[in-house]
Each structure stands twice: as structure tokens, then as C-alpha cells.
Amino acid sequence: MPVSEEIRTLLSHWCADRVPEAEREQWQIGYTIQGDEITILDRRPPAYPELSAAWSATPIALLRRSDEEPGGWVLYRPIADGWQRETAGDDPIGLLEQVRG
């Protein structure tokens, strides 16, 4: 099931609210969506912008739709060799409030 526009809008606001406006040139929180998975990313500008214009992106959380879990959403956190399941619920934004990136 695709991620709804409502959740996309809430995600955009959640990400923007994580970083003070004065720091956004040096740090951003963003997200990508692939199918029914949302990856939350810590984004930083290149150390040497003259060599690369691309920001780095480090995953800090993963939300996955699951019909097998109560509420339908599962939050995962990155570990050395993949992802570790943290919790499940019906509100993906509420689950993200548990992330301290």
C-alpha cells in the first residue's frame, strides 16, 4: 500500500521541525519512500563542496507498513549489520517521536 499524501505531509513537517532554521545549511533531516517503507535520513553537506555537491545521507530510522502488526506500522533503528525492530503502532509520526537522531 503506497504511503498517503497525508503521511507525506506530516513527515515533511516532522523532518523540518527537527532542525532549527539557523542550522539548516549545515544539517537536515529528510526521508525517502520506497513502496511501503519510509527511511528517515540525517543529511549533511559535503566536507569539500568544490569536489562534490551531494549531501551525505545517514539512515536513522525505518518505518515499514505491516499488516501483521497491531496498528500497521513498525519502527526500526539501524544497527551494525542491518535494522533492529523497535516498536509498532498505528501512528507513524508518533513512532518517529521516539527517534533521537
N, C-alpha and C. Protein backbone atom coordinates (compact mmCIF):
# COMPACT_ATOMS: atom_id res chain seq x y z
N MET A 1 0.85 -1.18 0.00
CA MET A 1 0.00 0.00 0.00
C MET A 1 0.89 1.24 0.00
N PRO A 2 0.69 2.15 -0.94
CA PRO A 2 1.51 3.36 -1.01
C PRO A 2 1.29 4.25 0.22
N VAL A 3 2.30 5.05 0.51
CA VAL A 3 2.22 5.99 1.62
C VAL A 3 1.33 7.15 1.19
N SER A 4 0.35 7.48 2.03
CA SER A 4 -0.64 8.51 1.67
C SER A 4 -0.02 9.91 1.65
N GLU A 5 -0.68 10.80 0.92
CA GLU A 5 -0.24 12.20 0.88
C GLU A 5 -0.30 12.82 2.28
N GLU A 6 -1.28 12.44 3.07
CA GLU A 6 -1.38 12.97 4.44
C GLU A 6 -0.13 12.62 5.24
N ILE A 7 0.30 11.38 5.16
CA ILE A 7 1.50 10.97 5.90
C ILE A 7 2.73 11.66 5.33
N ARG A 8 2.82 11.81 4.02
CA ARG A 8 3.95 12.53 3.41
C ARG A 8 4.03 13.96 3.92
N THR A 9 2.89 14.62 4.02
CA THR A 9 2.86 16.00 4.52
C THR A 9 3.31 16.04 5.99
N LEU A 10 2.79 15.12 6.80
CA LEU A 10 3.18 15.07 8.20
C LEU A 10 4.68 14.77 8.35
N LEU A 11 5.20 13.90 7.50
CA LEU A 11 6.64 13.60 7.53
C LEU A 11 7.47 14.84 7.20
N SER A 12 7.05 15.58 6.19
CA SER A 12 7.77 16.80 5.82
C SER A 12 7.83 17.78 6.99
N HIS A 13 6.71 17.95 7.67
CA HIS A 13 6.68 18.85 8.83
C HIS A 13 7.53 18.31 9.97
N TRP A 14 7.44 17.00 10.22
CA TRP A 14 8.21 16.39 11.30
C TRP A 14 9.71 16.58 11.05
N CYS A 15 10.15 16.33 9.83
CA CYS A 15 11.57 16.48 9.49
C CYS A 15 12.02 17.94 9.65
N ALA A 16 11.24 18.88 9.15
CA ALA A 16 11.59 20.29 9.24
C ALA A 16 11.65 20.75 10.69
N ASP A 17 10.77 20.23 11.53
CA ASP A 17 10.74 20.64 12.94
C ASP A 17 11.92 20.12 13.75
N ARG A 18 12.66 19.15 13.24
CA ARG A 18 13.79 18.57 13.98
C ARG A 18 15.00 19.49 14.00
N VAL A 19 15.13 20.34 12.99
CA VAL A 19 16.33 21.16 12.83
C VAL A 19 15.97 22.64 12.90
N PRO A 20 16.62 23.38 13.81
CA PRO A 20 16.36 24.83 13.86
C PRO A 20 16.70 25.49 12.51
N GLU A 21 15.94 26.47 12.14
CA GLU A 21 16.12 27.12 10.84
C GLU A 21 17.54 27.64 10.64
N ALA A 22 18.16 28.15 11.69
CA ALA A 22 19.52 28.69 11.58
C ALA A 22 20.56 27.62 11.28
N GLU A 23 20.25 26.35 11.49
CA GLU A 23 21.20 25.25 11.27
C GLU A 23 20.97 24.49 9.97
N ARG A 24 19.97 24.84 9.20
CA ARG A 24 19.58 24.04 8.05
C ARG A 24 20.59 24.03 6.90
N GLU A 25 21.51 24.97 6.87
CA GLU A 25 22.55 24.92 5.84
C GLU A 25 23.61 23.88 6.19
N GLN A 26 23.67 23.46 7.46
CA GLN A 26 24.66 22.51 7.91
C GLN A 26 24.09 21.16 8.32
N TRP A 27 22.77 21.05 8.37
CA TRP A 27 22.16 19.82 8.86
C TRP A 27 20.70 19.79 8.46
N GLN A 28 20.22 18.65 8.00
CA GLN A 28 18.81 18.48 7.66
C GLN A 28 18.38 17.06 8.02
N ILE A 29 17.11 16.90 8.28
CA ILE A 29 16.51 15.59 8.41
C ILE A 29 15.56 15.46 7.22
N GLY A 30 15.67 14.35 6.53
CA GLY A 30 14.83 14.13 5.36
C GLY A 30 14.30 12.71 5.35
N TYR A 31 13.61 12.36 4.28
CA TYR A 31 13.09 11.00 4.17
C TYR A 31 13.02 10.58 2.71
N THR A 32 13.04 9.28 2.51
CA THR A 32 12.79 8.70 1.20
C THR A 32 11.71 7.64 1.38
N ILE A 33 10.97 7.41 0.32
CA ILE A 33 9.92 6.39 0.35
C ILE A 33 10.17 5.43 -0.80
N GLN A 34 10.16 4.14 -0.47
CA GLN A 34 10.22 3.09 -1.48
C GLN A 34 9.11 2.11 -1.15
N GLY A 35 8.08 2.11 -1.96
CA GLY A 35 6.93 1.24 -1.71
C GLY A 35 6.26 1.59 -0.41
N ASP A 36 6.27 0.64 0.54
CA ASP A 36 5.63 0.88 1.83
C ASP A 36 6.65 1.09 2.94
N GLU A 37 7.88 1.50 2.58
CA GLU A 37 8.93 1.78 3.55
C GLU A 37 9.34 3.25 3.49
N ILE A 38 9.53 3.82 4.66
CA ILE A 38 9.98 5.21 4.77
C ILE A 38 11.30 5.19 5.54
N THR A 39 12.35 5.71 4.92
CA THR A 39 13.64 5.79 5.58
C THR A 39 13.87 7.24 5.98
N ILE A 40 14.15 7.46 7.27
CA ILE A 40 14.46 8.79 7.79
C ILE A 40 15.97 8.96 7.75
N LEU A 41 16.42 10.11 7.22
CA LEU A 41 17.84 10.33 6.97
C LEU A 41 18.36 11.58 7.67
N ASP A 42 19.55 11.46 8.23
CA ASP A 42 20.31 12.61 8.74
C ASP A 42 21.17 13.06 7.57
N ARG A 43 20.98 14.28 7.12
CA ARG A 43 21.68 14.78 5.93
C ARG A 43 22.66 15.88 6.32
N ARG A 44 23.86 15.79 5.74
CA ARG A 44 24.92 16.77 5.99
C ARG A 44 25.53 17.23 4.67
N PRO A 45 25.97 18.50 4.60
CA PRO A 45 26.58 19.00 3.36
C PRO A 45 27.96 18.36 3.16
N PRO A 46 28.46 18.41 1.94
CA PRO A 46 29.78 17.83 1.69
C PRO A 46 30.87 18.60 2.44
N ALA A 47 31.88 17.86 2.91
CA ALA A 47 33.01 18.49 3.61
C ALA A 47 33.78 19.41 2.67
N TYR A 48 33.88 19.00 1.42
CA TYR A 48 34.58 19.79 0.41
C TYR A 48 33.62 20.04 -0.75
N PRO A 49 32.79 21.08 -0.65
CA PRO A 49 31.77 21.30 -1.68
C PRO A 49 32.33 21.46 -3.09
N GLU A 50 33.56 21.91 -3.19
CA GLU A 50 34.14 22.07 -4.53
C GLU A 50 34.38 20.72 -5.21
N LEU A 51 34.41 19.64 -4.44
CA LEU A 51 34.62 18.31 -5.02
C LEU A 51 33.30 17.56 -5.26
N SER A 52 32.28 17.92 -4.50
CA SER A 52 31.01 17.21 -4.63
C SER A 52 29.87 18.09 -4.11
N ALA A 53 28.80 18.15 -4.87
CA ALA A 53 27.65 18.96 -4.45
C ALA A 53 26.62 18.13 -3.69
N ALA A 54 26.83 16.82 -3.61
CA ALA A 54 25.84 15.95 -2.97
C ALA A 54 26.01 15.93 -1.45
N TRP A 55 24.91 16.02 -0.77
CA TRP A 55 24.91 15.89 0.68
C TRP A 55 25.00 14.41 1.04
N SER A 56 25.62 14.11 2.18
CA SER A 56 25.62 12.73 2.65
C SER A 56 24.29 12.45 3.34
N ALA A 57 23.89 11.21 3.38
CA ALA A 57 22.63 10.82 4.00
C ALA A 57 22.86 9.55 4.81
N THR A 58 22.65 9.65 6.12
CA THR A 58 22.82 8.52 7.02
C THR A 58 21.45 8.10 7.55
N PRO A 59 21.04 6.86 7.35
CA PRO A 59 19.74 6.42 7.86
C PRO A 59 19.70 6.45 9.38
N ILE A 60 18.61 6.98 9.95
CA ILE A 60 18.46 6.99 11.40
C ILE A 60 17.21 6.24 11.86
N ALA A 61 16.32 5.92 10.94
CA ALA A 61 15.13 5.15 11.29
C ALA A 61 14.48 4.64 10.01
N LEU A 62 13.70 3.58 10.17
CA LEU A 62 12.94 3.00 9.08
C LEU A 62 11.54 2.71 9.58
N LEU A 63 10.54 3.16 8.84
CA LEU A 63 9.14 2.83 9.12
C LEU A 63 8.67 1.90 8.02
N ARG A 64 8.03 0.82 8.41
CA ARG A 64 7.55 -0.15 7.42
C ARG A 64 6.10 -0.50 7.72
N ARG A 65 5.27 -0.47 6.67
CA ARG A 65 3.88 -0.93 6.81
C ARG A 65 3.88 -2.43 7.00
N SER A 66 3.02 -2.91 7.90
CA SER A 66 2.92 -4.35 8.13
C SER A 66 1.50 -4.70 8.54
N ASP A 67 0.86 -5.53 7.75
CA ASP A 67 -0.49 -5.99 8.10
C ASP A 67 -0.47 -6.98 9.25
N GLU A 68 0.72 -7.48 9.58
CA GLU A 68 0.85 -8.47 10.64
C GLU A 68 1.03 -7.85 12.02
N GLU A 69 1.25 -6.56 12.09
CA GLU A 69 1.48 -5.87 13.36
C GLU A 69 0.26 -5.05 13.76
N PRO A 70 -0.03 -4.96 15.06
CA PRO A 70 -1.11 -4.09 15.50
C PRO A 70 -0.83 -2.65 15.09
N GLY A 71 -1.79 -2.00 14.48
CA GLY A 71 -1.61 -0.62 14.05
C GLY A 71 -1.04 -0.48 12.66
N GLY A 72 -0.31 -1.47 12.19
CA GLY A 72 0.13 -1.46 10.81
C GLY A 72 1.47 -0.82 10.51
N TRP A 73 2.14 -0.19 11.48
CA TRP A 73 3.45 0.41 11.24
C TRP A 73 4.47 -0.17 12.21
N VAL A 74 5.70 -0.38 11.73
CA VAL A 74 6.78 -0.86 12.57
C VAL A 74 7.96 0.10 12.42
N LEU A 75 8.56 0.47 13.56
CA LEU A 75 9.74 1.33 13.58
C LEU A 75 10.98 0.47 13.79
N TYR A 76 11.98 0.69 12.94
CA TYR A 76 13.27 0.01 13.06
C TYR A 76 14.36 1.05 13.25
N ARG A 77 15.42 0.65 13.96
CA ARG A 77 16.60 1.51 14.12
C ARG A 77 17.79 0.80 13.50
N PRO A 78 18.75 1.55 12.94
CA PRO A 78 19.91 0.91 12.32
C PRO A 78 20.83 0.30 13.38
N ILE A 79 21.38 -0.86 13.03
CA ILE A 79 22.43 -1.48 13.83
C ILE A 79 23.56 -1.83 12.86
N ALA A 80 24.65 -2.34 13.37
CA ALA A 80 25.84 -2.56 12.56
C ALA A 80 25.58 -3.37 11.29
N ASP A 81 24.72 -4.38 11.37
CA ASP A 81 24.53 -5.24 10.20
C ASP A 81 23.11 -5.22 9.65
N GLY A 82 22.40 -4.14 9.84
CA GLY A 82 21.05 -4.05 9.29
C GLY A 82 20.13 -3.18 10.14
N TRP A 83 18.93 -3.70 10.39
CA TRP A 83 17.91 -2.96 11.13
C TRP A 83 17.39 -3.80 12.29
N GLN A 84 17.11 -3.12 13.40
CA GLN A 84 16.55 -3.78 14.58
C GLN A 84 15.15 -3.24 14.83
N ARG A 85 14.20 -4.13 14.99
CA ARG A 85 12.82 -3.73 15.27
C ARG A 85 12.75 -3.09 16.65
N GLU A 86 12.11 -1.93 16.72
CA GLU A 86 11.96 -1.21 17.98
C GLU A 86 10.55 -1.36 18.56
N THR A 87 9.56 -0.93 17.77
CA THR A 87 8.19 -0.92 18.27
C THR A 87 7.22 -0.85 17.09
N ALA A 88 5.94 -1.03 17.39
CA ALA A 88 4.91 -0.95 16.36
C ALA A 88 3.77 -0.09 16.86
N GLY A 89 2.96 0.43 15.93
CA GLY A 89 1.81 1.25 16.31
C GLY A 89 1.05 1.71 15.10
N ASP A 90 0.01 2.50 15.35
CA ASP A 90 -0.84 2.96 14.26
C ASP A 90 -0.50 4.35 13.75
N ASP A 91 0.40 5.06 14.44
CA ASP A 91 0.74 6.43 14.07
C ASP A 91 2.23 6.51 13.74
N PRO A 92 2.57 6.57 12.45
CA PRO A 92 3.99 6.60 12.09
C PRO A 92 4.73 7.82 12.65
N ILE A 93 4.05 8.94 12.73
CA ILE A 93 4.71 10.14 13.26
C ILE A 93 4.94 9.97 14.77
N GLY A 94 3.99 9.39 15.47
CA GLY A 94 4.17 9.10 16.89
C GLY A 94 5.33 8.16 17.12
N LEU A 95 5.50 7.17 16.26
CA LEU A 95 6.64 6.26 16.37
C LEU A 95 7.95 7.02 16.17
N LEU A 96 7.96 7.97 15.23
CA LEU A 96 9.17 8.74 14.99
C LEU A 96 9.56 9.62 16.17
N GLU A 97 8.60 10.00 16.99
CA GLU A 97 8.92 10.81 18.16
C GLU A 97 9.87 10.09 19.09
N GLN A 98 10.00 8.78 18.94
CA GLN A 98 10.92 8.00 19.75
C GLN A 98 12.35 8.07 19.22
N VAL A 99 12.53 8.61 18.02
CA VAL A 99 13.85 8.69 17.38
C VAL A 99 14.61 9.88 17.93
N ARG A 100 15.81 9.63 18.34
CA ARG A 100 16.71 10.71 18.77
C ARG A 100 17.94 10.64 17.89
N GLY A 101 17.82 11.24 16.68
CA GLY A 101 18.89 11.15 15.69
C GLY A 101 20.03 12.07 15.95
